[in-house]
Protein backbone atom coordinates (compact mmCIF):
# COMPACT_ATOMS: atom_id res chain seq x y z
CA MET A 1 -10.55 19.95 -16.22
CA SER A 2 -8.57 21.17 -13.24
CA GLU A 3 -5.63 23.60 -14.17
CA LYS A 4 -4.09 22.14 -11.13
CA PRO A 5 -3.72 18.34 -10.07
CA PHE A 6 -5.39 17.53 -7.08
CA PHE A 7 -5.16 14.48 -4.89
CA THR A 8 -7.84 11.86 -3.60
CA TRP A 9 -7.12 8.78 -1.88
CA ASP A 10 -9.98 7.02 -4.41
CA ASN A 11 -7.22 7.91 -7.30
CA ALA A 12 -3.86 7.13 -5.52
CA THR A 13 -0.89 5.41 -6.58
CA ILE A 14 0.30 3.72 -3.83
CA TYR A 15 3.98 2.12 -3.73
CA PHE A 16 4.45 -0.83 -1.43
CA LEU A 17 7.60 -1.95 -0.65
CA LEU A 18 9.07 -4.14 1.94
CA THR A 19 11.78 -1.71 3.89
CA ASP A 20 14.59 -4.50 4.14
CA ARG A 21 14.40 -5.60 0.22
CA PHE A 22 14.46 -1.89 -1.21
CA TYR A 23 17.84 0.11 -0.87
CA ASN A 24 20.80 0.10 1.05
CA ALA A 25 21.93 3.36 2.01
CA ASN A 26 23.62 2.40 5.04
CA SER A 27 25.53 -0.85 5.50
CA ALA A 28 26.50 -0.02 8.92
CA ASN A 29 22.42 -1.21 10.29
CA ASP A 30 22.09 -4.52 8.01
CA LEU A 31 22.71 -7.00 11.39
CA ALA A 32 21.28 -5.40 14.42
CA TYR A 33 20.67 -7.14 17.87
CA SER A 34 23.31 -9.69 17.11
CA ARG A 35 21.02 -11.47 14.34
CA LYS A 36 23.02 -13.09 12.44
CA LYS A 37 23.09 -14.26 7.84
CA ASP A 38 21.92 -18.02 8.90
CA ALA A 39 18.44 -17.95 7.53
CA ALA A 40 16.70 -19.87 4.81
CA PRO A 41 17.30 -18.23 1.50
CA LEU A 42 15.11 -14.44 1.22
CA ARG A 43 14.36 -15.20 5.10
CA GLY A 44 16.59 -12.62 6.89
CA TYR A 45 17.40 -9.45 6.64
CA MET A 46 19.24 -8.12 3.32
CA GLY A 47 19.75 -4.36 4.40
CA GLY A 48 17.42 -2.34 3.11
CA ASP A 49 16.43 0.43 5.33
CA LEU A 50 14.55 3.90 5.67
CA ALA A 51 17.38 5.94 4.65
CA GLY A 52 17.41 3.77 1.53
CA ILE A 53 13.81 4.92 0.44
CA THR A 54 14.83 8.48 1.65
CA ALA A 55 17.68 8.37 -1.04
CA LYS A 56 15.08 7.25 -3.93
CA ILE A 57 12.73 9.76 -2.93
CA LYS A 58 15.61 12.49 -3.72
CA GLU A 59 16.43 11.24 -6.49
CA GLY A 60 13.16 11.63 -7.59
CA TYR A 61 12.61 7.76 -8.54
CA PHE A 62 8.99 8.39 -6.99
CA ASN A 63 7.97 11.20 -8.33
CA GLN A 64 9.15 10.26 -12.10
CA LEU A 65 7.23 6.92 -11.08
CA GLY A 66 4.06 9.42 -10.65
CA VAL A 67 3.45 8.01 -7.10
CA ASP A 68 1.25 9.48 -4.53
CA ALA A 69 1.83 7.40 -1.47
CA ILE A 70 4.74 4.53 -0.32
CA TRP A 71 3.25 1.89 1.70
CA LEU A 72 5.72 0.82 4.18
CA THR A 73 6.12 -2.77 5.48
CA PRO A 74 6.17 -2.00 9.74
CA PRO A 75 9.28 -0.26 11.16
CA VAL A 76 8.80 -1.13 14.42
CA GLU A 77 11.36 -3.17 16.32
CA GLN A 78 11.46 -7.13 15.48
CA ILE A 79 11.93 -9.87 17.59
CA HIS A 80 15.54 -10.21 17.81
CA GLY A 81 16.05 -14.12 17.03
CA ALA A 82 15.02 -16.23 14.67
CA THR A 83 11.82 -18.92 14.23
CA ASP A 84 11.36 -21.72 11.94
CA GLU A 85 7.29 -21.88 10.66
CA GLY A 86 8.03 -24.72 8.44
CA SER A 87 10.19 -22.68 5.69
CA GLY A 88 13.07 -22.49 7.15
CA LYS A 89 14.96 -20.01 9.75
CA SER A 90 13.12 -16.64 9.37
CA TYR A 91 13.92 -13.19 10.85
CA GLY A 92 11.19 -10.59 10.89
CA PHE A 93 12.86 -8.48 8.11
CA HIS A 94 9.36 -8.22 6.88
CA GLY A 95 8.25 -6.38 10.27
CA TYR A 96 5.14 -8.74 11.14
CA TRP A 97 6.46 -9.79 13.97
CA ALA A 98 6.82 -6.77 16.29
CA ARG A 99 8.69 -6.93 20.03
CA ASP A 100 8.54 -3.09 20.69
CA PHE A 101 5.97 -1.28 18.87
CA THR A 102 7.30 1.94 20.30
CA SER A 103 10.81 1.84 18.78
CA VAL A 104 12.42 1.90 15.18
CA ASP A 105 14.00 -1.63 14.40
CA ALA A 106 17.69 -0.56 14.21
CA ASN A 107 18.34 -2.66 11.42
CA LEU A 108 16.19 -0.39 9.58
CA GLY A 109 17.66 3.05 10.86
CA THR A 110 16.65 5.51 13.81
CA GLU A 111 13.81 7.83 14.59
CA ALA A 112 16.00 10.28 13.11
CA ASP A 113 15.39 8.01 9.80
CA MET A 114 12.04 7.95 10.22
CA ARG A 115 11.40 11.25 10.63
CA GLU A 116 13.50 12.40 7.50
CA LEU A 117 11.49 9.83 5.26
CA VAL A 118 8.21 11.24 6.12
CA ASP A 119 9.67 14.86 6.06
CA THR A 120 11.37 13.97 2.26
CA ALA A 121 8.30 12.67 1.54
CA HIS A 122 6.07 15.34 2.01
CA ALA A 123 8.51 18.00 0.68
CA HIS A 124 8.11 15.44 -2.64
CA GLY A 125 4.32 15.49 -2.60
CA ILE A 126 4.46 11.95 -1.41
CA ARG A 127 1.99 10.49 1.42
CA ILE A 128 3.43 7.67 3.98
CA LEU A 129 0.93 4.75 4.78
CA LEU A 130 2.15 2.97 7.53
CA ASP A 131 1.69 -1.13 7.98
CA ILE A 132 -0.28 -1.73 11.46
CA VAL A 133 -0.45 -4.90 13.18
CA MET A 134 -3.19 -5.24 15.81
CA ASN A 135 -4.01 -9.21 15.37
CA HIS A 136 -0.42 -10.42 16.72
CA VAL A 137 3.10 -10.10 17.77
CA GLY A 138 6.27 -11.83 16.96
CA PRO A 139 6.84 -15.58 18.21
CA GLN A 140 9.08 -16.32 21.07
CA THR A 141 12.60 -17.18 20.29
CA GLU A 142 15.71 -17.91 22.29
CA GLN A 143 16.64 -14.38 22.20
CA ASP A 144 13.01 -13.30 23.00
CA THR A 145 10.75 -14.16 25.88
CA ALA A 146 7.28 -15.01 25.81
CA TRP A 147 4.29 -12.43 26.45
CA PRO A 148 2.35 -12.83 29.29
CA GLU A 149 -1.08 -14.50 29.00
CA SER A 150 -2.55 -11.59 29.87
CA TRP A 151 -1.66 -9.93 26.69
CA VAL A 152 -2.11 -13.20 24.27
CA LEU A 153 -2.85 -16.24 23.80
CA HIS A 154 -1.49 -19.15 21.92
CA ALA A 155 -4.73 -21.80 20.83
CA PRO A 156 -6.74 -22.84 19.24
CA VAL A 157 -5.17 -21.88 15.70
CA CYS A 158 -7.73 -20.83 13.30
CA THR A 159 -9.82 -22.93 11.62
CA TYR A 160 -11.82 -20.75 9.40
CA LYS A 161 -15.23 -22.27 9.82
CA ASP A 162 -16.65 -19.60 11.64
CA VAL A 163 -16.52 -16.08 13.25
CA ALA A 164 -15.05 -17.09 15.90
CA SER A 165 -12.44 -19.59 14.56
CA THR A 166 -10.91 -16.96 12.52
CA VAL A 167 -10.79 -14.30 15.09
CA SER A 168 -10.16 -15.83 18.26
CA CYS A 169 -7.23 -17.96 17.34
CA THR A 170 -3.91 -17.60 16.41
CA LEU A 171 -3.27 -17.78 12.49
CA VAL A 172 -0.46 -20.36 12.64
CA GLN A 173 1.06 -22.33 15.63
CA GLY A 174 3.54 -20.63 17.81
CA LEU A 175 2.55 -16.59 16.65
CA PRO A 176 0.86 -15.08 19.48
CA ASP A 177 -2.54 -13.75 18.80
CA ILE A 178 -3.24 -10.60 20.74
CA ARG A 179 -6.38 -10.44 23.19
CA THR A 180 -8.25 -7.89 21.16
CA ASP A 181 -11.45 -8.76 23.03
CA SER A 182 -10.48 -8.22 26.05
CA ASN A 183 -11.15 -5.07 27.93
CA GLU A 184 -9.54 -6.43 31.25
CA ALA A 185 -7.10 -3.94 32.66
CA THR A 186 -3.11 -5.61 32.28
CA PRO A 187 0.12 -4.55 33.35
CA LEU A 188 2.73 -3.84 30.82
CA PRO A 189 4.71 -7.15 29.84
CA PRO A 190 8.01 -7.24 32.23
CA PHE A 191 10.43 -7.60 29.55
CA LEU A 192 9.21 -4.00 27.88
CA ILE A 193 9.40 -2.40 31.41
CA ASP A 194 13.07 -3.62 31.55
CA LYS A 195 13.85 -2.78 28.10
CA TRP A 196 12.57 0.95 28.51
CA LYS A 197 14.63 1.08 31.63
CA ALA A 198 17.89 -0.10 30.41
CA GLU A 199 17.16 2.30 27.26
CA GLY A 200 16.53 5.48 29.51
CA ARG A 201 12.96 6.13 28.32
CA TYR A 202 10.94 4.42 31.02
CA ALA A 203 9.54 7.03 33.07
CA LYS A 204 8.84 9.05 29.71
CA GLU A 205 6.50 6.18 28.19
CA ILE A 206 4.44 5.68 31.61
CA SER A 207 4.13 9.33 31.69
CA GLU A 208 2.33 9.26 28.10
CA LEU A 209 0.04 6.40 28.80
CA ASP A 210 -1.09 7.84 32.07
CA GLN A 211 -1.93 10.79 30.18
CA PHE A 212 -3.20 8.72 27.35
CA PHE A 213 -5.60 6.61 29.36
CA GLN A 214 -6.77 9.10 31.30
CA ARG A 215 -7.44 11.40 28.14
CA THR A 216 -9.70 8.67 26.84
CA GLY A 217 -11.04 6.85 29.57
CA TYR A 218 -10.22 3.38 28.02
CA PRO A 219 -9.02 0.50 30.74
CA ARG A 220 -5.69 -0.77 30.38
CA ALA A 221 -6.22 -3.70 28.12
CA PRO A 222 -4.00 -4.81 25.32
CA LYS A 223 -5.82 -2.93 22.33
CA TYR A 224 -5.52 0.39 23.75
CA TYR A 225 -2.36 -0.06 25.02
CA LEU A 226 -1.64 -0.59 20.94
CA MET A 227 -3.71 1.88 20.15
CA LYS A 228 -1.88 4.15 21.79
CA TRP A 229 1.50 3.02 20.31
CA HIS A 230 0.29 2.96 16.57
CA THR A 231 -0.82 6.30 16.65
CA ASP A 232 2.18 7.95 18.10
CA TRP A 233 3.74 6.97 14.89
CA ILE A 234 1.65 9.68 13.40
CA ARG A 235 1.69 12.12 16.38
CA LYS A 236 5.78 11.68 16.31
CA TYR A 237 6.21 11.38 12.59
CA GLY A 238 3.41 12.63 10.77
CA VAL A 239 1.97 9.17 8.80
CA ASP A 240 -0.62 10.26 6.73
CA GLY A 241 -2.48 6.95 6.69
CA PHE A 242 -2.51 3.01 8.14
CA ARG A 243 -2.80 0.01 6.05
CA ALA A 244 -4.10 -2.28 8.71
CA ASP A 245 -2.77 -5.80 8.70
CA THR A 246 -4.91 -8.98 9.20
CA VAL A 247 -8.14 -7.07 9.66
CA LYS A 248 -10.82 -9.60 9.73
CA HIS A 249 -8.86 -11.63 12.44
CA VAL A 250 -9.46 -8.98 14.71
CA GLU A 251 -13.59 -7.75 16.37
CA PRO A 252 -14.64 -5.38 13.81
CA GLY A 253 -15.19 -2.42 16.38
CA VAL A 254 -11.59 -2.40 17.49
CA TRP A 255 -10.73 -0.71 13.83
CA LYS A 256 -13.43 1.75 14.60
CA GLU A 257 -11.62 2.84 17.58
CA LEU A 258 -8.29 2.96 16.04
CA LYS A 259 -9.59 5.04 13.26
CA GLN A 260 -11.03 7.92 15.67
CA LEU A 261 -8.22 7.65 17.91
CA ALA A 262 -5.60 7.75 14.42
CA SER A 263 -7.99 10.80 13.09
CA SER A 264 -7.63 13.01 16.08
CA ALA A 265 -3.97 12.37 16.47
CA TYR A 266 -3.27 13.02 12.40
CA GLU A 267 -5.37 16.94 12.74
CA GLU A 268 -3.33 17.43 15.94
CA TRP A 269 0.09 16.73 14.53
CA LYS A 270 -1.64 19.21 11.25
CA THR A 271 -2.21 21.60 13.46
CA ALA A 272 1.55 21.51 14.50
CA ASN A 273 3.43 21.03 11.99
CA PRO A 274 1.14 23.40 9.39
CA LYS A 275 4.42 23.86 7.17
CA LYS A 276 5.24 19.82 7.04
CA LYS A 277 1.61 18.67 6.23
CA ILE A 278 0.50 17.90 3.04
CA GLY A 279 -2.56 18.72 2.18
CA ASP A 280 -6.09 18.57 4.52
CA THR A 281 -6.94 15.23 3.51
CA PRO A 282 -8.35 13.60 6.45
CA PHE A 283 -6.55 10.41 8.12
CA PHE A 284 -6.99 7.48 5.64
CA MET A 285 -7.09 3.70 6.78
CA THR A 286 -6.99 0.70 4.19
CA ALA A 287 -7.50 -2.92 5.22
CA GLU A 288 -6.24 -6.83 4.71
CA VAL A 289 -9.35 -8.31 4.27
CA TYR A 290 -7.98 -10.98 3.28
CA GLY A 291 -10.11 -12.73 0.44
CA TYR A 292 -11.85 -9.27 -0.01
CA SER A 293 -13.13 -8.69 -4.17
CA ILE A 294 -14.82 -5.80 -5.02
CA THR A 295 -17.74 -7.76 -6.31
CA GLU A 296 -18.81 -8.19 -2.54
CA GLY A 297 -19.46 -4.03 -2.09
CA GLN A 298 -19.59 -2.97 1.07
CA LYS A 299 -20.35 -6.45 2.92
CA PHE A 300 -17.56 -8.87 3.21
CA THR A 301 -18.62 -12.45 3.97
CA MET A 302 -16.41 -14.02 6.73
CA ASP A 303 -16.10 -17.75 7.01
CA GLY A 304 -19.41 -19.47 8.12
CA GLY A 305 -21.39 -17.25 6.47
CA SER A 306 -21.44 -13.87 8.73
CA GLN A 307 -21.62 -10.51 6.79
CA ILE A 308 -19.03 -7.85 8.06
CA ASN A 309 -19.19 -3.96 6.72
CA PHE A 310 -15.68 -3.23 6.92
CA TYR A 311 -15.97 0.19 5.45
CA GLN A 312 -18.35 1.25 8.27
CA ASN A 313 -15.79 0.41 11.01
CA GLY A 314 -13.07 2.47 10.47
CA PHE A 315 -11.87 1.96 6.39
CA ASP A 316 -12.21 4.25 3.58
CA ASN A 317 -10.91 1.11 1.52
CA LEU A 318 -10.26 -2.40 0.91
CA ILE A 319 -7.24 -4.02 -0.65
CA ASN A 320 -9.01 -5.91 -3.61
CA PHE A 321 -7.86 -9.39 -3.76
CA GLY A 322 -10.20 -10.06 -6.84
CA PHE A 323 -8.25 -7.91 -9.20
CA LYS A 324 -5.66 -9.74 -10.27
CA SER A 325 -8.49 -12.36 -11.59
CA ASP A 326 -10.57 -9.67 -12.89
CA ALA A 327 -7.68 -8.50 -14.84
CA LYS A 328 -7.57 -11.29 -17.32
CA LYS A 329 -10.81 -10.52 -18.56
CA ASP A 330 -12.06 -8.35 -21.52
CA ARG A 331 -10.89 -4.63 -20.89
CA GLU A 332 -14.27 -2.82 -21.65
CA GLN A 333 -15.91 -5.83 -18.74
CA LEU A 334 -13.07 -4.89 -16.67
CA PHE A 335 -13.41 -1.33 -16.50
CA SER A 336 -16.99 -0.89 -16.74
CA THR A 337 -17.64 -3.20 -14.16
CA TYR A 338 -15.28 -1.75 -11.65
CA SER A 339 -16.58 2.03 -12.42
CA ALA A 340 -20.02 0.48 -11.81
CA ARG A 341 -19.52 -0.70 -8.66
CA LEU A 342 -17.40 2.34 -7.46
CA HIS A 343 -20.10 4.77 -8.55
CA GLY A 344 -22.73 2.48 -7.54
CA ASP A 345 -22.63 0.77 -3.87
CA LEU A 346 -19.26 1.57 -2.99
CA GLN A 347 -20.04 4.99 -3.28
CA GLY A 348 -17.91 7.03 -0.95
CA TYR A 349 -15.66 4.09 -0.60
CA SER A 350 -12.80 2.79 -2.52
CA VAL A 351 -10.81 -0.40 -3.53
CA LEU A 352 -6.95 -0.85 -3.82
CA ASN A 353 -6.21 -3.10 -7.04
CA TYR A 354 -2.99 -5.19 -7.12
CA ILE A 355 -1.44 -7.18 -9.78
CA SER A 356 1.24 -8.68 -7.39
CA SER A 357 2.18 -8.60 -3.26
CA HIS A 358 4.53 -9.79 -0.96
CA ASP A 359 2.01 -12.84 0.07
CA ASP A 360 -0.15 -13.36 -2.95
CA SER A 361 1.81 -16.59 -5.05
CA THR A 362 -0.97 -16.85 -7.35
CA PRO A 363 -0.76 -13.11 -8.70
CA PHE A 364 -1.35 -11.60 -12.15
CA ASP A 365 1.47 -12.64 -13.73
CA LEU A 366 3.91 -14.49 -11.79
CA GLN A 367 6.85 -15.13 -14.47
CA ARG A 368 6.79 -11.52 -15.50
CA HIS A 369 5.57 -12.51 -19.35
CA GLN A 370 3.54 -9.29 -19.71
CA PRO A 371 4.70 -6.60 -17.79
CA PHE A 372 3.38 -3.73 -20.17
CA GLU A 373 -0.38 -5.16 -20.17
CA ALA A 374 -0.01 -5.44 -16.05
CA ALA A 375 0.68 -1.77 -15.96
CA THR A 376 -2.25 -1.06 -18.75
CA ARG A 377 -4.81 -2.62 -17.01
CA LEU A 378 -3.81 -2.02 -13.48
CA LEU A 379 -3.17 1.85 -13.67
CA LEU A 380 -5.53 2.10 -15.99
CA SER A 381 -8.55 0.57 -13.93
CA PRO A 382 -10.87 2.42 -11.54
CA GLY A 383 -10.13 2.31 -8.27
CA ALA A 384 -6.97 3.11 -6.38
CA ALA A 385 -4.01 1.26 -7.35
CA GLN A 386 -0.89 -0.37 -5.54
CA ILE A 387 2.55 -1.14 -7.44
CA TYR A 388 4.39 -3.80 -5.59
CA TYR A 389 7.89 -2.73 -5.50
CA GLY A 390 9.46 -3.98 -8.80
CA ASP A 391 6.28 -4.33 -10.87
CA GLU A 392 7.45 -1.67 -12.75
CA THR A 393 10.94 -3.29 -13.23
CA ALA A 394 9.87 -6.90 -13.60
CA ARG A 395 11.60 -8.32 -10.28
CA ASP A 396 11.47 -11.68 -10.02
CA ILE A 397 8.61 -12.64 -8.09
CA ASP A 398 8.94 -16.69 -8.21
CA VAL A 399 12.95 -17.25 -6.91
CA LYS A 400 13.15 -20.96 -6.99
CA GLU A 401 15.42 -21.70 -4.40
CA ALA A 402 13.21 -20.04 -1.69
CA GLN A 403 10.06 -21.42 0.07
CA GLY A 404 6.72 -20.07 0.35
CA ASP A 405 6.03 -16.34 0.51
CA ALA A 406 9.78 -15.25 0.60
CA ARG A 407 9.63 -16.77 -3.11
CA LEU A 408 8.04 -13.15 -3.78
CA ARG A 409 10.13 -11.20 -1.76
CA SER A 410 13.56 -10.55 -3.52
CA PHE A 411 15.90 -7.71 -3.26
CA MET A 412 14.60 -4.72 -5.72
CA ASN A 413 16.13 -5.51 -8.87
CA TRP A 414 18.44 -2.03 -8.76
CA ASP A 415 21.58 -3.55 -10.97
CA ALA A 416 19.02 -5.29 -13.85
CA LEU A 417 17.46 -1.68 -14.25
CA LYS A 418 20.93 -0.09 -14.18
CA ALA A 419 22.37 -2.04 -17.00
CA ASN A 420 18.89 -1.89 -18.79
CA ALA A 421 19.27 -5.46 -18.97
CA MET A 422 17.31 -7.93 -21.28
CA GLN A 423 14.90 -10.00 -19.76
CA GLN A 424 12.56 -12.02 -22.07
CA ASP A 425 11.88 -10.26 -24.86
CA TYR A 426 11.93 -6.83 -23.19
CA ARG A 427 14.07 -4.26 -21.65
CA ILE A 428 14.30 -3.62 -17.89
CA ALA A 429 14.16 0.67 -18.72
CA ASP A 430 11.35 0.07 -21.28
CA VAL A 431 8.79 -1.76 -19.05
CA LEU A 432 9.53 1.41 -16.56
CA ALA A 433 9.31 3.73 -18.96
CA HIS A 434 5.81 2.26 -19.69
CA TRP A 435 4.61 2.34 -15.94
CA GLN A 436 6.04 5.64 -15.67
CA LYS A 437 4.02 7.32 -18.26
CA LEU A 438 0.58 5.97 -17.30
CA ALA A 439 1.15 6.69 -13.69
CA SER A 440 2.27 9.96 -14.27
CA PHE A 441 -0.86 10.86 -16.45
CA ARG A 442 -2.74 8.95 -13.73
CA ARG A 443 -1.81 11.11 -11.29
CA LEU A 444 -2.37 14.24 -12.97
CA HIS A 445 -5.99 13.07 -13.77
CA PRO A 446 -7.97 11.70 -11.05
CA ALA A 447 -10.77 10.95 -13.70
CA ILE A 448 -8.75 7.65 -14.32
CA GLY A 449 -9.40 6.00 -10.79
CA ALA A 450 -12.18 8.21 -9.35
CA GLY A 451 -13.81 9.06 -12.39
CA ILE A 452 -16.98 7.80 -14.10
CA HIS A 453 -16.14 4.99 -17.18
CA GLN A 454 -17.63 4.77 -20.50
CA LYS A 455 -16.86 3.40 -23.66
CA ILE A 456 -16.62 5.27 -26.94
CA ASN A 457 -15.60 3.00 -29.56
CA ASP A 458 -14.59 -0.76 -29.98
CA ARG A 459 -12.03 -0.47 -32.80
CA PRO A 460 -9.57 1.14 -31.62
CA TYR A 461 -10.99 0.47 -28.54
CA THR A 462 -11.11 4.16 -26.83
CA PHE A 463 -12.91 5.55 -23.63
CA LYS A 464 -13.60 8.57 -21.31
CA ARG A 465 -13.35 8.98 -17.60
CA THR A 466 -15.09 12.24 -16.43
CA TYR A 467 -14.78 13.11 -12.71
CA ASP A 468 -16.64 16.19 -11.16
CA ASP A 469 -17.05 16.13 -7.11
CA HIS A 470 -17.48 19.45 -5.12
CA GLY A 471 -16.78 21.05 -8.27
CA ARG A 472 -13.63 19.79 -9.12
CA ARG A 473 -13.83 18.42 -12.81
CA ASP A 474 -11.57 16.45 -15.06
CA LYS A 475 -11.69 14.65 -18.04
CA VAL A 476 -9.79 11.93 -20.46
CA VAL A 477 -9.51 9.83 -23.40
CA VAL A 478 -7.56 6.71 -23.15
CA ALA A 479 -7.17 4.91 -26.67
CA LEU A 480 -5.34 1.42 -26.77
CA ASP A 481 -4.46 -1.05 -29.42
CA LEU A 482 -3.79 1.44 -31.80
CA PRO A 483 -2.35 0.56 -34.78
CA THR A 484 1.34 1.53 -34.79
CA HIS A 485 2.10 1.74 -38.86
CA GLN A 486 -0.29 4.48 -39.43
CA ASP A 487 -2.00 7.54 -38.15
CA ASN A 488 -4.91 6.95 -36.31
CA PRO A 489 -7.82 9.09 -35.96
CA ILE A 490 -9.16 8.82 -32.24
CA SER A 491 -12.61 10.20 -31.27
CA VAL A 492 -13.35 12.39 -28.58
CA ALA A 493 -16.51 13.84 -29.74
CA GLY A 494 -18.82 14.95 -26.57
CA VAL A 495 -15.43 14.98 -24.51
CA PHE A 496 -13.66 17.76 -26.29
CA SER A 497 -14.48 20.49 -28.42
CA ASP A 498 -13.57 21.44 -31.66
CA GLY A 499 -10.56 23.78 -32.01
CA GLN A 500 -9.12 22.36 -28.42
CA ARG A 501 -5.70 21.67 -28.04
CA LEU A 502 -5.16 18.14 -26.78
CA ARG A 503 -1.77 16.47 -25.36
CA ASP A 504 -1.30 12.62 -25.87
CA HIS A 505 0.44 12.06 -22.52
CA TYR A 506 2.37 9.01 -23.94
CA SER A 507 3.88 10.05 -26.78
CA GLY A 508 4.19 13.78 -25.63
CA LYS A 509 2.65 15.18 -28.86
CA THR A 510 -0.35 17.40 -28.89
CA ALA A 511 -3.08 17.90 -31.62
CA ILE A 512 -6.37 20.35 -32.40
CA VAL A 513 -9.69 18.21 -32.30
CA ILE A 514 -11.33 18.57 -35.63
CA ASN A 515 -14.78 17.29 -36.38
CA GLY A 516 -14.91 15.22 -33.18
CA HIS A 517 -11.07 13.70 -33.56
CA VAL A 518 -7.51 14.14 -32.96
CA THR A 519 -4.80 12.47 -34.31
CA PHE A 520 -1.28 12.36 -33.20
CA ALA A 521 1.53 11.83 -35.23
CA SER A 522 2.73 8.62 -32.76
CA GLN A 523 3.66 5.13 -33.34
CA PHE A 524 2.44 4.23 -30.16
CA PRO A 525 -0.30 1.61 -29.48
CA ILE A 526 -1.90 3.96 -26.70
CA ALA A 527 -2.70 7.48 -26.31
CA LEU A 528 -3.46 9.02 -23.32
CA ILE A 529 -5.60 12.24 -24.12
CA ALA A 530 -5.98 15.44 -22.21
CA GLN A 531 -6.43 19.15 -22.44
CA ASP A 532 -2.96 20.63 -22.99
CA ALA A 533 -1.99 22.55 -20.18
CA PRO A 534 -2.58 26.43 -21.23
């Protein structure tokens, strides 16, 4: 076992939050750009901001939860007005309706807020994963003029019959699709030129663009402008990775080029900021390839049957849409199947498992009946883990008065947590404590997500995970469904030796291995076992 915990994205616990819905630390920026409180339920801005995330980092919330990285929804400036996609008046609170990729949205804060957030996260051992969009821009509104035709297409709407009708199309009516297939030089949108001039930064932006295109030799096509703008967030702030949105709707080669530029930008930033960087891991990218499941291995089957290997087009990891269903299977089947996949055809890559998210209306536990079991299955499964904000506090993700994906996006339930509210048959603080214990153990032990799984016993269900990579070794034993009314000898033979002192990270108790077994005086149904630190 390694004496010090070490980080690998293959074992990462990533906390995904909608910045506007997490925590409001500055009420002065709640409604920027003359936005109004006239949206349909849960479709307008609610006040969460970058400073709110920073405040919770400083408070220790994420460290206590064992979080390795925070995934932020896009903080770029959004459309100023509202639009209606059929579910009521909506604003771009979620970050996926960009207006200016070079600015921080004033509803979320300032450049200084963004810089403080990244610096504070790094100082607390937490990486920042930035959500980016290459596929589309925000819709036109009464306040937001149209993008030029040389930049976007407005038709046809995707029909998902083949690759062309998935990539060369708009996701929904009214959502302009960026011409990522084009290599034709095109001038900047006039509204951006006017905006930058009004803000006094036109000359600076143009100079940087000139340098970028001269250095890379790329044509001034829309996709390359976006690559420059996205990688600027790495150069300016030192973000550690991208979560790429709507990946299968963009030509795969675009992502590969972006990864190369992003990796270079990250190395430049680390060299320039040796005291701010967090480790020496390379730039990381995970993908939302909608519908991808770990069972597909490296090749994702696109609509129409074509297969694309997104891992070989810039991605280290793909979001695993299959986990929410797989998590309902027998635990041993779940764990052993995932381990075999990750150490088989996915060797060198990983998946990001989740139980709920911002746009999945059929999560693992919609009504939050099983918040403890959800944590156990997510955080003990091989692969990286995504906690959607409020999974750990059983936040309501089925808000009845809202429509569509807005139902999943309620404000973080800080008040219920503070009051330790009773919800169904559990208390919120007890749920959080369970998540904290599991994720903290996971953070200390890369064997959980990145190691090889092997069952030890059926009853009580006991398994080991072993990790050995480039001389870094780690091993753990986990026992589940322990009877709570008696002492339980747990088999650790072949993992730990007689006479070794082990710690159960769930109860906090220690014990010595005797005859291949260890017994903790614990009344908990779970034991998280590793060698006790000297």
